[in-house]
Amino acid sequence: MFIGCQADEQLIADLDRARACKDRSQFIREAIAEKLQRSGIRVPENLIYPPPRAKIIQMVGDNNRGITLRAAEEPGKYRIKKKGKKKK
């Protein structure tokens, strides 16, 4: 599940200084888990890390600006129709 939020530029700048080499999303996940743990809520270790990504099943487009990714929630659930040679 994705959680988005608005933040002031100064807060983001402070967050980026504090996170050092970690990516922003991981730093925020760890901060949320730490806050929950301090509140007495048990947070399993595996929930602090991102869920696995959906498998990309098809790339559409021929340049960097026009590429669209299509993904399946469960690998193998959708089939790609392959283009064959046209019959004359």
PDB file of N, CA and C in Angstrom:
ATOM      1  N   MET A   1       0.848  -1.168   0.000  1.00  0.00           N
ATOM      2  CA  MET A   1       0.000   0.000   0.000  1.00  0.00           C
ATOM      3  C   MET A   1       0.896   1.235   0.000  1.00  0.00           C
ATOM      4  N   PHE A   2       0.509   2.222  -0.760  1.00  0.00           N
ATOM      5  CA  PHE A   2       1.268   3.463  -0.864  1.00  0.00           C
ATOM      6  C   PHE A   2       0.661   4.504   0.063  1.00  0.00           C
ATOM      7  N   ILE A   3       1.526   5.190   0.806  1.00  0.00           N
ATOM      8  CA  ILE A   3       1.085   6.307   1.646  1.00  0.00           C
ATOM      9  C   ILE A   3       1.837   7.543   1.170  1.00  0.00           C
ATOM     10  N   GLY A   4       1.116   8.540   0.738  1.00  0.00           N
ATOM     11  CA  GLY A   4       1.723   9.787   0.309  1.00  0.00           C
ATOM     12  C   GLY A   4       1.310  10.905   1.256  1.00  0.00           C
ATOM     13  N   CYS A   5       2.140  11.917   1.377  1.00  0.00           N
ATOM     14  CA  CYS A   5       1.779  13.049   2.239  1.00  0.00           C
ATOM     15  C   CYS A   5       2.493  14.305   1.769  1.00  0.00           C
ATOM     16  N   GLN A   6       1.908  15.427   2.067  1.00  0.00           N
ATOM     17  CA  GLN A   6       2.518  16.714   1.770  1.00  0.00           C
ATOM     18  C   GLN A   6       3.505  17.062   2.875  1.00  0.00           C
ATOM     19  N   ALA A   7       4.605  17.712   2.512  1.00  0.00           N
ATOM     20  CA  ALA A   7       5.592  18.121   3.509  1.00  0.00           C
ATOM     21  C   ALA A   7       6.240  19.426   3.076  1.00  0.00           C
ATOM     22  N   ASP A   8       6.571  20.243   4.052  1.00  0.00           N
ATOM     23  CA  ASP A   8       7.247  21.513   3.821  1.00  0.00           C
ATOM     24  C   ASP A   8       8.660  21.244   3.296  1.00  0.00           C
ATOM     25  N   GLU A   9       9.164  22.135   2.461  1.00  0.00           N
ATOM     26  CA  GLU A   9      10.507  21.977   1.894  1.00  0.00           C
ATOM     27  C   GLU A   9      11.580  21.855   2.976  1.00  0.00           C
ATOM     28  N   GLN A  10      11.444  22.608   4.066  1.00  0.00           N
ATOM     29  CA  GLN A  10      12.440  22.552   5.136  1.00  0.00           C
ATOM     30  C   GLN A  10      12.423  21.188   5.827  1.00  0.00           C
ATOM     31  N   LEU A  11      11.231  20.626   6.036  1.00  0.00           N
ATOM     32  CA  LEU A  11      11.134  19.302   6.648  1.00  0.00           C
ATOM     33  C   LEU A  11      11.806  18.256   5.765  1.00  0.00           C
ATOM     34  N   ILE A  12      11.591  18.330   4.454  1.00  0.00           N
ATOM     35  CA  ILE A  12      12.219  17.395   3.525  1.00  0.00           C
ATOM     36  C   ILE A  12      13.734  17.574   3.528  1.00  0.00           C
ATOM     37  N   ALA A  13      14.202  18.812   3.568  1.00  0.00           N
ATOM     38  CA  ALA A  13      15.648  19.063   3.615  1.00  0.00           C
ATOM     39  C   ALA A  13      16.247  18.473   4.893  1.00  0.00           C
ATOM     40  N   ASP A  14      15.578  18.654   6.036  1.00  0.00           N
ATOM     41  CA  ASP A  14      16.064  18.082   7.305  1.00  0.00           C
ATOM     42  C   ASP A  14      16.047  16.552   7.246  1.00  0.00           C
ATOM     43  N   LEU A  15      14.995  16.002   6.674  1.00  0.00           N
ATOM     44  CA  LEU A  15      14.879  14.551   6.532  1.00  0.00           C
ATOM     45  C   LEU A  15      16.023  14.011   5.673  1.00  0.00           C
ATOM     46  N   ASP A  16      16.322  14.687   4.573  1.00  0.00           N
ATOM     47  CA  ASP A  16      17.393  14.237   3.679  1.00  0.00           C
ATOM     48  C   ASP A  16      18.762  14.310   4.354  1.00  0.00           C
ATOM     49  N   ARG A  17      18.978  15.301   5.186  1.00  0.00           N
ATOM     50  CA  ARG A  17      20.247  15.378   5.936  1.00  0.00           C
ATOM     51  C   ARG A  17      20.342  14.250   6.956  1.00  0.00           C
ATOM     52  N   ALA A  18      19.236  13.928   7.613  1.00  0.00           N
ATOM     53  CA  ALA A  18      19.233  12.907   8.660  1.00  0.00           C
ATOM     54  C   ALA A  18      19.345  11.488   8.107  1.00  0.00           C
ATOM     55  N   ARG A  19      18.837  11.257   6.917  1.00  0.00           N
ATOM     56  CA  ARG A  19      18.786   9.889   6.401  1.00  0.00           C
ATOM     57  C   ARG A  19      20.113   9.392   5.872  1.00  0.00           C
ATOM     58  N   ALA A  20      21.069  10.269   5.651  1.00  0.00           N
ATOM     59  CA  ALA A  20      22.406   9.917   5.166  1.00  0.00           C
ATOM     60  C   ALA A  20      22.314   9.097   3.878  1.00  0.00           C
ATOM     61  N   CYS A  21      22.769   7.848   3.905  1.00  0.00           N
ATOM     62  CA  CYS A  21      22.823   7.022   2.680  1.00  0.00           C
ATOM     63  C   CYS A  21      21.551   6.233   2.407  1.00  0.00           C
ATOM     64  N   LYS A  22      20.632   6.162   3.344  1.00  0.00           N
ATOM     65  CA  LYS A  22      19.391   5.405   3.125  1.00  0.00           C
ATOM     66  C   LYS A  22      18.492   6.158   2.163  1.00  0.00           C
ATOM     67  N   ASP A  23      17.693   5.387   1.414  1.00  0.00           N
ATOM     68  CA  ASP A  23      16.734   6.085   0.568  1.00  0.00           C
ATOM     69  C   ASP A  23      15.614   6.640   1.452  1.00  0.00           C
ATOM     70  N   ARG A  24      14.951   7.647   0.957  1.00  0.00           N
ATOM     71  CA  ARG A  24      13.948   8.366   1.744  1.00  0.00           C
ATOM     72  C   ARG A  24      12.826   7.461   2.232  1.00  0.00           C
ATOM     73  N   SER A  25      12.321   6.588   1.366  1.00  0.00           N
ATOM     74  CA  SER A  25      11.219   5.706   1.746  1.00  0.00           C
ATOM     75  C   SER A  25      11.603   4.776   2.887  1.00  0.00           C
ATOM     76  N   GLN A  26      12.808   4.186   2.806  1.00  0.00           N
ATOM     77  CA  GLN A  26      13.237   3.274   3.867  1.00  0.00           C
ATOM     78  C   GLN A  26      13.417   4.023   5.185  1.00  0.00           C
ATOM     79  N   PHE A  27      13.981   5.214   5.129  1.00  0.00           N
ATOM     80  CA  PHE A  27      14.163   6.018   6.341  1.00  0.00           C
ATOM     81  C   PHE A  27      12.814   6.295   7.003  1.00  0.00           C
ATOM     82  N   ILE A  28      11.813   6.640   6.202  1.00  0.00           N
ATOM     83  CA  ILE A  28      10.480   6.947   6.740  1.00  0.00           C
ATOM     84  C   ILE A  28       9.815   5.690   7.290  1.00  0.00           C
ATOM     85  N   ARG A  29       9.958   4.542   6.593  1.00  0.00           N
ATOM     86  CA  ARG A  29       9.402   3.286   7.130  1.00  0.00           C
ATOM     87  C   ARG A  29      10.002   2.966   8.495  1.00  0.00           C
ATOM     88  N   GLU A  30      11.331   3.132   8.628  1.00  0.00           N
ATOM     89  CA  GLU A  30      11.990   2.852   9.903  1.00  0.00           C
ATOM     90  C   GLU A  30      11.552   3.832  10.989  1.00  0.00           C
ATOM     91  N   ALA A  31      11.348   5.097  10.615  1.00  0.00           N
ATOM     92  CA  ALA A  31      10.897   6.095  11.592  1.00  0.00           C
ATOM     93  C   ALA A  31       9.480   5.775  12.087  1.00  0.00           C
ATOM     94  N   ILE A  32       8.623   5.348  11.178  1.00  0.00           N
ATOM     95  CA  ILE A  32       7.258   4.968  11.570  1.00  0.00           C
ATOM     96  C   ILE A  32       7.300   3.764  12.500  1.00  0.00           C
ATOM     97  N   ALA A  33       8.098   2.760  12.146  1.00  0.00           N
ATOM     98  CA  ALA A  33       8.212   1.561  12.990  1.00  0.00           C
ATOM     99  C   ALA A  33       8.753   1.917  14.372  1.00  0.00           C
ATOM    100  N   GLU A  34       9.750   2.790  14.416  1.00  0.00           N
ATOM    101  CA  GLU A  34      10.326   3.209  15.707  1.00  0.00           C
ATOM    102  C   GLU A  34       9.281   3.926  16.568  1.00  0.00           C
ATOM    103  N   LYS A  35       8.505   4.788  15.968  1.00  0.00           N
ATOM    104  CA  LYS A  35       7.450   5.512  16.695  1.00  0.00           C
ATOM    105  C   LYS A  35       6.393   4.539  17.231  1.00  0.00           C
ATOM    106  N   LEU A  36       5.990   3.579  16.409  1.00  0.00           N
ATOM    107  CA  LEU A  36       5.011   2.584  16.853  1.00  0.00           C
ATOM    108  C   LEU A  36       5.574   1.740  18.009  1.00  0.00           C
ATOM    109  N   GLN A  37       6.838   1.336  17.903  1.00  0.00           N
ATOM    110  CA  GLN A  37       7.463   0.541  18.960  1.00  0.00           C
ATOM    111  C   GLN A  37       7.550   1.326  20.269  1.00  0.00           C
ATOM    112  N   ARG A  38       7.862   2.616  20.183  1.00  0.00           N
ATOM    113  CA  ARG A  38       7.903   3.452  21.400  1.00  0.00           C
ATOM    114  C   ARG A  38       6.518   3.619  22.015  1.00  0.00           C
ATOM    115  N   SER A  39       5.483   3.446  21.185  1.00  0.00           N
ATOM    116  CA  SER A  39       4.111   3.536  21.688  1.00  0.00           C
ATOM    117  C   SER A  39       3.607   2.192  22.215  1.00  0.00           C
ATOM    118  N   GLY A  40       4.485   1.192  22.208  1.00  0.00           N
ATOM    119  CA  GLY A  40       4.117  -0.107  22.738  1.00  0.00           C
ATOM    120  C   GLY A  40       3.522  -1.066  21.722  1.00  0.00           C
ATOM    121  N   ILE A  41       3.599  -0.715  20.463  1.00  0.00           N
ATOM    122  CA  ILE A  41       3.062  -1.574  19.408  1.00  0.00           C
ATOM    123  C   ILE A  41       4.209  -2.397  18.823  1.00  0.00           C
ATOM    124  N   ARG A  42       4.025  -3.715  18.807  1.00  0.00           N
ATOM    125  CA  ARG A  42       5.052  -4.609  18.275  1.00  0.00           C
ATOM    126  C   ARG A  42       5.019  -4.548  16.745  1.00  0.00           C
ATOM    127  N   VAL A  43       6.167  -4.303  16.139  1.00  0.00           N
ATOM    128  CA  VAL A  43       6.271  -4.234  14.677  1.00  0.00           C
ATOM    129  C   VAL A  43       7.247  -5.323  14.228  1.00  0.00           C
ATOM    130  N   PRO A  44       6.756  -6.345  13.515  1.00  0.00           N
ATOM    131  CA  PRO A  44       7.647  -7.390  13.025  1.00  0.00           C
ATOM    132  C   PRO A  44       8.709  -6.809  12.079  1.00  0.00           C
ATOM    133  N   GLU A  45       9.900  -7.348  12.148  1.00  0.00           N
ATOM    134  CA  GLU A  45      11.034  -6.862  11.345  1.00  0.00           C
ATOM    135  C   GLU A  45      10.716  -6.841   9.849  1.00  0.00           C
ATOM    136  N   ASN A  46      10.019  -7.860   9.354  1.00  0.00           N
ATOM    137  CA  ASN A  46       9.759  -7.921   7.906  1.00  0.00           C
ATOM    138  C   ASN A  46       8.826  -6.810   7.421  1.00  0.00           C
ATOM    139  N   LEU A  47       8.076  -6.173   8.320  1.00  0.00           N
ATOM    140  CA  LEU A  47       7.180  -5.087   7.907  1.00  0.00           C
ATOM    141  C   LEU A  47       7.896  -3.752   7.743  1.00  0.00           C
ATOM    142  N   ILE A  48       9.139  -3.691   8.191  1.00  0.00           N
ATOM    143  CA  ILE A  48       9.901  -2.442   8.093  1.00  0.00           C
ATOM    144  C   ILE A  48      10.481  -2.272   6.685  1.00  0.00           C
ATOM    145  N   TYR A  49      10.496  -3.342   5.913  1.00  0.00           N
ATOM    146  CA  TYR A  49      11.069  -3.305   4.567  1.00  0.00           C
ATOM    147  C   TYR A  49       9.969  -3.299   3.520  1.00  0.00           C
ATOM    148  N   PRO A  50      10.259  -2.815   2.308  1.00  0.00           N
ATOM    149  CA  PRO A  50       9.215  -2.714   1.286  1.00  0.00           C
ATOM    150  C   PRO A  50       8.725  -4.080   0.830  1.00  0.00           C
ATOM    151  N   PRO A  51       7.464  -4.146   0.402  1.00  0.00           N
ATOM    152  CA  PRO A  51       6.946  -5.412  -0.137  1.00  0.00           C
ATOM    153  C   PRO A  51       7.594  -5.681  -1.491  1.00  0.00           C
ATOM    154  N   PRO A  52       7.569  -6.936  -1.938  1.00  0.00           N
ATOM    155  CA  PRO A  52       8.128  -7.232  -3.263  1.00  0.00           C
ATOM    156  C   PRO A  52       7.352  -6.501  -4.346  1.00  0.00           C
ATOM    157  N   ARG A  53       8.041  -6.109  -5.368  1.00  0.00           N
ATOM    158  CA  ARG A  53       7.411  -5.389  -6.483  1.00  0.00           C
ATOM    159  C   ARG A  53       6.632  -6.344  -7.369  1.00  0.00           C
ATOM    160  N   ALA A  54       5.647  -5.800  -8.066  1.00  0.00           N
ATOM    161  CA  ALA A  54       4.909  -6.595  -9.046  1.00  0.00           C
ATOM    162  C   ALA A  54       5.849  -6.903 -10.209  1.00  0.00           C
ATOM    163  N   LYS A  55       5.675  -8.032 -10.812  1.00  0.00           N
ATOM    164  CA  LYS A  55       6.504  -8.442 -11.932  1.00  0.00           C
ATOM    165  C   LYS A  55       6.090  -7.658 -13.176  1.00  0.00           C
ATOM    166  N   ILE A  56       7.075  -7.089 -13.863  1.00  0.00           N
ATOM    167  CA  ILE A  56       6.783  -6.366 -15.103  1.00  0.00           C
ATOM    168  C   ILE A  56       6.565  -7.397 -16.193  1.00  0.00           C
ATOM    169  N   ILE A  57       5.435  -7.307 -16.850  1.00  0.00           N
ATOM    170  CA  ILE A  57       5.126  -8.291 -17.884  1.00  0.00           C
ATOM    171  C   ILE A  57       5.258  -7.735 -19.287  1.00  0.00           C
ATOM    172  N   GLN A  58       5.299  -6.426 -19.442  1.00  0.00           N
ATOM    173  CA  GLN A  58       5.386  -5.883 -20.787  1.00  0.00           C
ATOM    174  C   GLN A  58       5.877  -4.448 -20.739  1.00  0.00           C
ATOM    175  N   MET A  59       6.769  -4.099 -21.682  1.00  0.00           N
ATOM    176  CA  MET A  59       7.190  -2.714 -21.866  1.00  0.00           C
ATOM    177  C   MET A  59       6.664  -2.286 -23.224  1.00  0.00           C
ATOM    178  N   VAL A  60       6.016  -1.146 -23.272  1.00  0.00           N
ATOM    179  CA  VAL A  60       5.416  -0.648 -24.501  1.00  0.00           C
ATOM    180  C   VAL A  60       6.042   0.695 -24.828  1.00  0.00           C
ATOM    181  N   GLY A  61       6.498   0.873 -26.039  1.00  0.00           N
ATOM    182  CA  GLY A  61       7.097   2.135 -26.453  1.00  0.00           C
ATOM    183  C   GLY A  61       8.482   1.904 -27.009  1.00  0.00           C
ATOM    184  N   ASP A  62       8.983   2.880 -27.768  1.00  0.00           N
ATOM    185  CA  ASP A  62      10.283   2.696 -28.397  1.00  0.00           C
ATOM    186  C   ASP A  62      11.290   3.790 -28.030  1.00  0.00           C
ATOM    187  N   ASN A  63      10.925   4.681 -27.112  1.00  0.00           N
ATOM    188  CA  ASN A  63      11.894   5.682 -26.676  1.00  0.00           C
ATOM    189  C   ASN A  63      11.688   5.957 -25.191  1.00  0.00           C
ATOM    190  N   ASN A  64      12.585   6.693 -24.592  1.00  0.00           N
ATOM    191  CA  ASN A  64      12.521   6.945 -23.148  1.00  0.00           C
ATOM    192  C   ASN A  64      11.262   7.695 -22.729  1.00  0.00           C
ATOM    193  N   ARG A  65      10.729   8.532 -23.604  1.00  0.00           N
ATOM    194  CA  ARG A  65       9.554   9.326 -23.221  1.00  0.00           C
ATOM    195  C   ARG A  65       8.255   8.547 -23.348  1.00  0.00           C
ATOM    196  N   GLY A  66       8.230   7.522 -24.208  1.00  0.00           N
ATOM    197  CA  GLY A  66       6.969   6.850 -24.477  1.00  0.00           C
ATOM    198  C   GLY A  66       6.856   5.448 -23.897  1.00  0.00           C
ATOM    199  N   ILE A  67       7.704   5.102 -22.939  1.00  0.00           N
ATOM    200  CA  ILE A  67       7.654   3.741 -22.394  1.00  0.00           C
ATOM    201  C   ILE A  67       6.584   3.639 -21.320  1.00  0.00           C
ATOM    202  N   THR A  68       5.766   2.629 -21.428  1.00  0.00           N
ATOM    203  CA  THR A  68       4.745   2.327 -20.437  1.00  0.00           C
ATOM    204  C   THR A  68       5.024   0.938 -19.900  1.00  0.00           C
ATOM    205  N   LEU A  69       4.955   0.767 -18.593  1.00  0.00           N
ATOM    206  CA  LEU A  69       5.147  -0.541 -17.988  1.00  0.00           C
ATOM    207  C   LEU A  69       3.799  -1.105 -17.606  1.00  0.00           C
ATOM    208  N   ARG A  70       3.600  -2.377 -17.860  1.00  0.00           N
ATOM    209  CA  ARG A  70       2.385  -3.056 -17.436  1.00  0.00           C
ATOM    210  C   ARG A  70       2.819  -4.167 -16.504  1.00  0.00           C
ATOM    211  N   ALA A  71       2.175  -4.278 -15.363  1.00  0.00           N
ATOM    212  CA  ALA A  71       2.593  -5.268 -14.370  1.00  0.00           C
ATOM    213  C   ALA A  71       1.420  -6.135 -13.949  1.00  0.00           C
ATOM    214  N   ALA A  72       1.727  -7.352 -13.563  1.00  0.00           N
ATOM    215  CA  ALA A  72       0.736  -8.281 -13.037  1.00  0.00           C
ATOM    216  C   ALA A  72       0.980  -8.420 -11.542  1.00  0.00           C
ATOM    217  N   GLU A  73      -0.070  -8.487 -10.764  1.00  0.00           N
ATOM    218  CA  GLU A  73       0.084  -8.673  -9.323  1.00  0.00           C
ATOM    219  C   GLU A  73       0.696 -10.028  -9.015  1.00  0.00           C
ATOM    220  N   GLU A  74       0.274 -11.043  -9.751  1.00  0.00           N
ATOM    221  CA  GLU A  74       0.809 -12.383  -9.561  1.00  0.00           C
ATOM    222  C   GLU A  74       1.526 -12.793 -10.835  1.00  0.00           C
ATOM    223  N   PRO A  75       2.836 -13.120 -10.750  1.00  0.00           N
ATOM    224  CA  PRO A  75       3.553 -13.533 -11.956  1.00  0.00           C
ATOM    225  C   PRO A  75       2.835 -14.680 -12.647  1.00  0.00           C
ATOM    226  N   GLY A  76       2.759 -14.583 -13.952  1.00  0.00           N
ATOM    227  CA  GLY A  76       2.138 -15.647 -14.727  1.00  0.00           C
ATOM    228  C   GLY A  76       0.632 -15.529 -14.862  1.00  0.00           C
ATOM    229  N   LYS A  77       0.023 -14.547 -14.237  1.00  0.00           N
ATOM    230  CA  LYS A  77      -1.428 -14.405 -14.293  1.00  0.00           C
ATOM    231  C   LYS A  77      -1.891 -13.894 -15.662  1.00  0.00           C
ATOM    232  N   TYR A  78      -1.065 -13.090 -16.306  1.00  0.00           N
ATOM    233  CA  TYR A  78      -1.406 -12.529 -17.607  1.00  0.00           C
ATOM    234  C   TYR A  78      -0.405 -13.017 -18.642  1.00  0.00           C
ATOM    235  N   ARG A  79      -0.849 -13.179 -19.881  1.00  0.00           N
ATOM    236  CA  ARG A  79       0.048 -13.592 -20.953  1.00  0.00           C
ATOM    237  C   ARG A  79       0.245 -12.436 -21.918  1.00  0.00           C
ATOM    238  N   ILE A  80       1.433 -12.360 -22.467  1.00  0.00           N
ATOM    239  CA  ILE A  80       1.728 -11.353 -23.479  1.00  0.00           C
ATOM    240  C   ILE A  80       1.508 -11.989 -24.832  1.00  0.00           C
ATOM    241  N   LYS A  81       0.750 -11.332 -25.671  1.00  0.00           N
ATOM    242  CA  LYS A  81       0.539 -11.833 -27.017  1.00  0.00           C
ATOM    243  C   LYS A  81       1.734 -11.391 -27.854  1.00  0.00           C
ATOM    244  N   LYS A  82       2.518 -12.359 -28.296  1.00  0.00           N
ATOM    245  CA  LYS A  82       3.718 -12.047 -29.048  1.00  0.00           C
ATOM    246  C   LYS A  82       3.343 -11.782 -30.504  1.00  0.00           C
ATOM    247  N   LYS A  83       4.000 -10.784 -31.069  1.00  0.00           N
ATOM    248  CA  LYS A  83       3.763 -10.462 -32.473  1.00  0.00           C
ATOM    249  C   LYS A  83       4.560 -11.431 -33.335  1.00  0.00           C
ATOM    250  N   GLY A  84       3.890 -12.056 -34.254  1.00  0.00           N
ATOM    251  CA  GLY A  84       4.560 -12.977 -35.179  1.00  0.00           C
ATOM    252  C   GLY A  84       4.702 -12.330 -36.533  1.00  0.00           C
ATOM    253  N   LYS A  85       5.307 -13.061 -37.423  1.00  0.00           N
ATOM    254  CA  LYS A  85       5.452 -12.560 -38.796  1.00  0.00           C
ATOM    255  C   LYS A  85       4.074 -12.539 -39.444  1.00  0.00           C
ATOM    256  N   LYS A  86       3.822 -11.473 -40.185  1.00  0.00           N
ATOM    257  CA  LYS A  86       2.547 -11.357 -40.883  1.00  0.00           C
ATOM    258  C   LYS A  86       2.519 -12.306 -42.070  1.00  0.00           C
ATOM    259  N   LYS A  87       1.391 -12.960 -42.226  1.00  0.00           N
ATOM    260  CA  LYS A  87       1.223 -13.843 -43.379  1.00  0.00           C
ATOM    261  C   LYS A  87       0.824 -13.018 -44.579  1.00  0.00           C
ATOM    262  N   LYS A  88       1.399 -13.345 -45.716  1.00  0.00           N
ATOM    263  CA  LYS A  88       1.072 -12.612 -46.955  1.00  0.00           C
ATOM    264  C   LYS A  88       0.180 -13.429 -47.832  1.00  0.00           C
TER     265      LYS A  88
END
